[in-house]
């Protein structure tokens, strides 16, 4: 026998509100980690989008910089 759970918008909203309140009151560290991870994901997505609009850098230039060549990457 399969059980079917049905939630309407109001029940879903109430449930999510209860979860958020519980996180804020009792699980601050968990909430902090979730928010930090979300911000990092947004920053990464923005960096990728921005990188697609800029000029590409050659692999040789990247390795020169990583290997400590001070003159690499300067115009």
C-alpha atoms as a PDB file:
ATOM      1  CA  UNK A   1       0.000   0.000   0.000  1.00  0.00           C
ATOM      2  CA  UNK A   2       1.371   3.419  -0.994  1.00  0.00           C
ATOM      3  CA  UNK A   3       0.793   6.497   1.118  1.00  0.00           C
ATOM      4  CA  UNK A   4       0.193   9.779  -0.671  1.00  0.00           C
ATOM      5  CA  UNK A   5       1.035  13.049   1.036  1.00  0.00           C
ATOM      6  CA  UNK A   6      -0.641  16.158  -0.282  1.00  0.00           C
ATOM      7  CA  UNK A   7       0.446  19.654   0.753  1.00  0.00           C
ATOM      8  CA  UNK A   8      -1.214  22.843  -0.323  1.00  0.00           C
ATOM      9  CA  UNK A   9       0.603  26.175  -0.504  1.00  0.00           C
ATOM     10  CA  UNK A  10      -0.455  27.253   2.981  1.00  0.00           C
ATOM     11  CA  UNK A  11       0.659  23.994   4.597  1.00  0.00           C
ATOM     12  CA  UNK A  12       3.954  24.138   2.728  1.00  0.00           C
ATOM     13  CA  UNK A  13       4.517  27.742   3.780  1.00  0.00           C
ATOM     14  CA  UNK A  14       3.711  26.927   7.425  1.00  0.00           C
ATOM     15  CA  UNK A  15       6.019  23.917   7.384  1.00  0.00           C
ATOM     16  CA  UNK A  16       8.895  25.887   5.858  1.00  0.00           C
ATOM     17  CA  UNK A  17       8.361  28.694   8.364  1.00  0.00           C
ATOM     18  CA  UNK A  18       8.490  26.204  11.234  1.00  0.00           C
ATOM     19  CA  UNK A  19      11.709  24.704   9.858  1.00  0.00           C
ATOM     20  CA  UNK A  20      13.347  28.126   9.475  1.00  0.00           C
ATOM     21  CA  UNK A  21      12.352  29.185  13.001  1.00  0.00           C
ATOM     22  CA  UNK A  22      13.761  25.930  14.386  1.00  0.00           C
ATOM     23  CA  UNK A  23      17.006  26.444  12.472  1.00  0.00           C
ATOM     24  CA  UNK A  24      17.355  30.004  13.750  1.00  0.00           C
ATOM     25  CA  UNK A  25      16.604  29.068  17.355  1.00  0.00           C
ATOM     26  CA  UNK A  26      18.325  25.723  17.708  1.00  0.00           C
ATOM     27  CA  UNK A  27      20.716  25.138  14.847  1.00  0.00           C
ATOM     28  CA  UNK A  28      22.502  28.417  14.218  1.00  0.00           C
ATOM     29  CA  UNK A  29      25.686  26.672  13.061  1.00  0.00           C
ATOM     30  CA  UNK A  30      23.765  24.631  10.494  1.00  0.00           C
ATOM     31  CA  UNK A  31      21.956  27.711   9.224  1.00  0.00           C
ATOM     32  CA  UNK A  32      25.261  29.597   9.022  1.00  0.00           C
ATOM     33  CA  UNK A  33      26.821  26.797   6.957  1.00  0.00           C
ATOM     34  CA  UNK A  34      23.802  26.670   4.624  1.00  0.00           C
ATOM     35  CA  UNK A  35      23.859  30.421   4.059  1.00  0.00           C
ATOM     36  CA  UNK A  36      27.639  30.488   3.572  1.00  0.00           C
ATOM     37  CA  UNK A  37      27.452  27.671   1.033  1.00  0.00           C
ATOM     38  CA  UNK A  38      24.663  29.443  -0.850  1.00  0.00           C
ATOM     39  CA  UNK A  39      26.647  32.694  -0.988  1.00  0.00           C
ATOM     40  CA  UNK A  40      29.717  30.847  -2.243  1.00  0.00           C
ATOM     41  CA  UNK A  41      27.637  29.213  -4.979  1.00  0.00           C
ATOM     42  CA  UNK A  42      26.252  32.578  -6.080  1.00  0.00           C
ATOM     43  CA  UNK A  43      29.744  34.096  -6.104  1.00  0.00           C
ATOM     44  CA  UNK A  44      31.070  31.188  -8.158  1.00  0.00           C
ATOM     45  CA  UNK A  45      28.212  31.476 -10.648  1.00  0.00           C
ATOM     46  CA  UNK A  46      28.840  35.227 -10.978  1.00  0.00           C
ATOM     47  CA  UNK A  47      32.566  34.646 -11.496  1.00  0.00           C
ATOM     48  CA  UNK A  48      31.879  32.073 -14.195  1.00  0.00           C
ATOM     49  CA  UNK A  49      29.449  34.397 -15.948  1.00  0.00           C
ATOM     50  CA  UNK A  50      31.907  37.292 -15.738  1.00  0.00           C
ATOM     51  CA  UNK A  51      34.738  35.087 -16.985  1.00  0.00           C
ATOM     52  CA  UNK A  52      32.760  34.176 -20.058  1.00  0.00           C
ATOM     53  CA  UNK A  53      32.629  37.849 -21.006  1.00  0.00           C
ATOM     54  CA  UNK A  54      36.336  38.556 -20.515  1.00  0.00           C
ATOM     55  CA  UNK A  55      39.280  37.640 -22.703  1.00  0.00           C
ATOM     56  CA  UNK A  56      40.620  34.153 -22.208  1.00  0.00           C
ATOM     57  CA  UNK A  57      44.087  33.650 -20.753  1.00  0.00           C
ATOM     58  CA  UNK A  58      46.461  31.128 -22.282  1.00  0.00           C
ATOM     59  CA  UNK A  59      47.421  28.002 -20.379  1.00  0.00           C
ATOM     60  CA  UNK A  60      51.103  29.016 -20.605  1.00  0.00           C
ATOM     61  CA  UNK A  61      50.367  32.337 -18.906  1.00  0.00           C
ATOM     62  CA  UNK A  62      48.491  30.588 -16.096  1.00  0.00           C
ATOM     63  CA  UNK A  63      51.345  28.157 -15.479  1.00  0.00           C
ATOM     64  CA  UNK A  64      53.867  30.992 -15.572  1.00  0.00           C
ATOM     65  CA  UNK A  65      51.944  32.789 -12.839  1.00  0.00           C
ATOM     66  CA  UNK A  66      51.556  29.594 -10.781  1.00  0.00           C
ATOM     67  CA  UNK A  67      55.283  28.889 -11.123  1.00  0.00           C
ATOM     68  CA  UNK A  68      56.122  32.333  -9.748  1.00  0.00           C
ATOM     69  CA  UNK A  69      57.182  34.158 -12.897  1.00  0.00           C
ATOM     70  CA  UNK A  70      56.736  37.761 -11.705  1.00  0.00           C
ATOM     71  CA  UNK A  71      56.532  39.183 -15.227  1.00  0.00           C
ATOM     72  CA  UNK A  72      53.726  36.834 -16.314  1.00  0.00           C
ATOM     73  CA  UNK A  73      50.310  38.362 -16.664  1.00  0.00           C
ATOM     74  CA  UNK A  74      51.528  41.974 -16.815  1.00  0.00           C
ATOM     75  CA  UNK A  75      50.842  44.180 -19.800  1.00  0.00           C
END
